[in-house]
C-alpha atoms as a PDB file:
ATOM      1  CA  UNK A   1      53.266 160.270  -4.581  1.00  0.00           C
ATOM      2  CA  UNK A   2      52.374 161.860  -1.619  1.00  0.00           C
ATOM      3  CA  UNK A   3      48.871 161.608  -3.595  1.00  0.00           C
ATOM      4  CA  UNK A   4      48.694 157.802  -2.749  1.00  0.00           C
ATOM      5  CA  UNK A   5      49.025 157.946   0.319  1.00  0.00           C
ATOM      6  CA  UNK A   6      51.851 157.376   3.399  1.00  0.00           C
ATOM      7  CA  UNK A   7      50.372 153.800   3.151  1.00  0.00           C
ATOM      8  CA  UNK A   8      51.004 153.294  -0.785  1.00  0.00           C
ATOM      9  CA  UNK A   9      54.114 154.470  -0.478  1.00  0.00           C
ATOM     10  CA  UNK A  10      56.184 152.495   1.753  1.00  0.00           C
ATOM     11  CA  UNK A  11      54.385 149.484  -0.157  1.00  0.00           C
ATOM     12  CA  UNK A  12      55.341 150.721  -2.904  1.00  0.00           C
ATOM     13  CA  UNK A  13      59.223 150.846  -1.632  1.00  0.00           C
ATOM     14  CA  UNK A  14      58.852 147.011  -1.005  1.00  0.00           C
ATOM     15  CA  UNK A  15      58.833 146.279  -4.235  1.00  0.00           C
ATOM     16  CA  UNK A  16      61.351 148.754  -5.132  1.00  0.00           C
ATOM     17  CA  UNK A  17      63.234 146.856  -3.103  1.00  0.00           C
ATOM     18  CA  UNK A  18      61.758 143.605  -3.788  1.00  0.00           C
ATOM     19  CA  UNK A  19      62.259 143.797  -7.531  1.00  0.00           C
ATOM     20  CA  UNK A  20      65.312 145.753  -7.621  1.00  0.00           C
ATOM     21  CA  UNK A  21      67.604 144.397  -4.973  1.00  0.00           C
ATOM     22  CA  UNK A  22      67.632 147.705  -2.857  1.00  0.00           C
ATOM     23  CA  UNK A  23      66.529 151.364  -3.883  1.00  0.00           C
ATOM     24  CA  UNK A  24      69.481 153.445  -3.283  1.00  0.00           C
ATOM     25  CA  UNK A  25      70.796 154.712  -7.066  1.00  0.00           C
ATOM     26  CA  UNK A  26      67.617 153.051  -8.277  1.00  0.00           C
ATOM     27  CA  UNK A  27      64.516 155.340  -8.072  1.00  0.00           C
ATOM     28  CA  UNK A  28      65.051 158.164  -9.551  1.00  0.00           C
ATOM     29  CA  UNK A  29      63.195 161.730 -10.103  1.00  0.00           C
ATOM     30  CA  UNK A  30      63.516 162.687 -13.761  1.00  0.00           C
ATOM     31  CA  UNK A  31      61.066 165.291 -13.950  1.00  0.00           C
ATOM     32  CA  UNK A  32      57.311 166.280 -14.226  1.00  0.00           C
ATOM     33  CA  UNK A  33      57.745 165.479 -17.724  1.00  0.00           C
ATOM     34  CA  UNK A  34      59.090 161.943 -17.810  1.00  0.00           C
ATOM     35  CA  UNK A  35      58.414 161.117 -13.480  1.00  0.00           C
ATOM     36  CA  UNK A  36      60.639 158.430 -12.198  1.00  0.00           C
ATOM     37  CA  UNK A  37      63.453 156.123 -13.831  1.00  0.00           C
ATOM     38  CA  UNK A  38      64.304 152.609 -12.344  1.00  0.00           C
ATOM     39  CA  UNK A  39      67.014 151.097 -12.651  1.00  0.00           C
ATOM     40  CA  UNK A  40      67.983 147.012 -12.231  1.00  0.00           C
ATOM     41  CA  UNK A  41      64.936 145.378 -12.059  1.00  0.00           C
ATOM     42  CA  UNK A  42      65.065 141.920 -14.070  1.00  0.00           C
ATOM     43  CA  UNK A  43      61.033 142.226 -15.134  1.00  0.00           C
ATOM     44  CA  UNK A  44      59.160 145.049 -15.366  1.00  0.00           C
ATOM     45  CA  UNK A  45      56.241 142.634 -16.121  1.00  0.00           C
ATOM     46  CA  UNK A  46      56.890 140.416 -12.458  1.00  0.00           C
ATOM     47  CA  UNK A  47      56.871 144.678 -10.788  1.00  0.00           C
ATOM     48  CA  UNK A  48      54.051 145.587 -12.035  1.00  0.00           C
ATOM     49  CA  UNK A  49      52.172 142.281 -10.989  1.00  0.00           C
ATOM     50  CA  UNK A  50      53.514 142.697  -7.690  1.00  0.00           C
ATOM     51  CA  UNK A  51      52.771 146.615  -7.671  1.00  0.00           C
ATOM     52  CA  UNK A  52      49.027 145.452  -9.084  1.00  0.00           C
ATOM     53  CA  UNK A  53      48.687 143.708  -5.518  1.00  0.00           C
ATOM     54  CA  UNK A  54      48.678 146.510  -3.569  1.00  0.00           C
ATOM     55  CA  UNK A  55      45.255 147.390  -4.456  1.00  0.00           C
ATOM     56  CA  UNK A  56      42.903 145.112  -3.313  1.00  0.00           C
ATOM     57  CA  UNK A  57      39.643 145.753  -5.723  1.00  0.00           C
ATOM     58  CA  UNK A  58      41.995 146.430  -8.827  1.00  0.00           C
ATOM     59  CA  UNK A  59      39.412 145.183 -12.344  1.00  0.00           C
ATOM     60  CA  UNK A  60      41.276 144.557 -16.335  1.00  0.00           C
ATOM     61  CA  UNK A  61      43.187 144.618 -17.867  1.00  0.00           C
ATOM     62  CA  UNK A  62      40.984 147.185 -20.115  1.00  0.00           C
ATOM     63  CA  UNK A  63      42.844 147.114 -24.073  1.00  0.00           C
ATOM     64  CA  UNK A  64      42.984 150.540 -25.796  1.00  0.00           C
ATOM     65  CA  UNK A  65      42.790 149.200 -29.861  1.00  0.00           C
ATOM     66  CA  UNK A  66      44.292 152.079 -30.304  1.00  0.00           C
ATOM     67  CA  UNK A  67      47.319 151.807 -28.723  1.00  0.00           C
ATOM     68  CA  UNK A  68      47.442 147.923 -28.535  1.00  0.00           C
ATOM     69  CA  UNK A  69      50.716 147.313 -26.653  1.00  0.00           C
ATOM     70  CA  UNK A  70      48.623 149.250 -23.647  1.00  0.00           C
ATOM     71  CA  UNK A  71      46.811 147.275 -20.408  1.00  0.00           C
ATOM     72  CA  UNK A  72      44.778 150.016 -18.717  1.00  0.00           C
ATOM     73  CA  UNK A  73      43.824 148.713 -14.764  1.00  0.00           C
ATOM     74  CA  UNK A  74      41.465 150.549 -12.698  1.00  0.00           C
ATOM     75  CA  UNK A  75      41.254 151.147  -8.809  1.00  0.00           C
ATOM     76  CA  UNK A  76      38.687 152.473  -7.065  1.00  0.00           C
ATOM     77  CA  UNK A  77      36.186 152.647  -9.673  1.00  0.00           C
ATOM     78  CA  UNK A  78      38.174 154.136 -11.978  1.00  0.00           C
ATOM     79  CA  UNK A  79      39.418 156.808  -9.451  1.00  0.00           C
ATOM     80  CA  UNK A  80      42.669 155.415 -10.350  1.00  0.00           C
ATOM     81  CA  UNK A  81      43.786 153.922 -13.223  1.00  0.00           C
ATOM     82  CA  UNK A  82      47.225 152.263 -14.091  1.00  0.00           C
ATOM     83  CA  UNK A  83      48.780 151.586 -17.100  1.00  0.00           C
ATOM     84  CA  UNK A  84      51.686 149.232 -18.271  1.00  0.00           C
ATOM     85  CA  UNK A  85      53.037 149.212 -21.810  1.00  0.00           C
ATOM     86  CA  UNK A  86      56.253 146.288 -22.244  1.00  0.00           C
ATOM     87  CA  UNK A  87      57.109 148.274 -24.420  1.00  0.00           C
ATOM     88  CA  UNK A  88      56.307 152.712 -24.898  1.00  0.00           C
ATOM     89  CA  UNK A  89      56.760 154.693 -27.884  1.00  0.00           C
ATOM     90  CA  UNK A  90      58.595 157.383 -26.169  1.00  0.00           C
ATOM     91  CA  UNK A  91      61.106 155.392 -24.572  1.00  0.00           C
ATOM     92  CA  UNK A  92      61.159 152.099 -26.280  1.00  0.00           C
ATOM     93  CA  UNK A  93      61.185 150.350 -22.528  1.00  0.00           C
ATOM     94  CA  UNK A  94      58.624 149.303 -20.078  1.00  0.00           C
ATOM     95  CA  UNK A  95      56.752 151.790 -18.294  1.00  0.00           C
ATOM     96  CA  UNK A  96      54.169 152.511 -15.406  1.00  0.00           C
ATOM     97  CA  UNK A  97      52.058 155.345 -15.304  1.00  0.00           C
ATOM     98  CA  UNK A  98      49.442 156.348 -13.018  1.00  0.00           C
ATOM     99  CA  UNK A  99      46.987 158.478 -13.088  1.00  0.00           C
ATOM    100  CA  UNK A 100      43.996 159.878 -10.372  1.00  0.00           C
ATOM    101  CA  UNK A 101      41.183 161.832 -11.159  1.00  0.00           C
ATOM    102  CA  UNK A 102      42.607 165.314 -11.513  1.00  0.00           C
ATOM    103  CA  UNK A 103      45.355 165.065 -10.884  1.00  0.00           C
ATOM    104  CA  UNK A 104      47.795 164.739 -13.400  1.00  0.00           C
ATOM    105  CA  UNK A 105      50.062 160.986 -14.907  1.00  0.00           C
ATOM    106  CA  UNK A 106      52.754 159.888 -13.624  1.00  0.00           C
ATOM    107  CA  UNK A 107      55.112 157.869 -14.768  1.00  0.00           C
ATOM    108  CA  UNK A 108      58.043 155.507 -14.060  1.00  0.00           C
ATOM    109  CA  UNK A 109      60.245 154.164 -16.566  1.00  0.00           C
ATOM    110  CA  UNK A 110      62.230 151.072 -16.712  1.00  0.00           C
ATOM    111  CA  UNK A 111      65.969 151.699 -17.140  1.00  0.00           C
END
């Protein structure tokens, strides 16, 4: 998360607090292949909408014809891609992925 900058991380923590009623015991790092898990979010779509509001220059959604549930948004002229999967193939639940050019993709999976 440090690649997004401290202001972004602070704002993300505020979104987590707003959407899950707190942060302690709710946001857990699960590993580099999995990313983070976030528990007790009533509406992952609402969480995602509030998260997108952190970026002043977001564009999208761009629909992937081979993955119709995938919603891709681009920030800073496609330097950052944020995807929302209402139903992820790997977990069956909602997932958000972040990708900065040149860095590994990171995910937040909702429990």
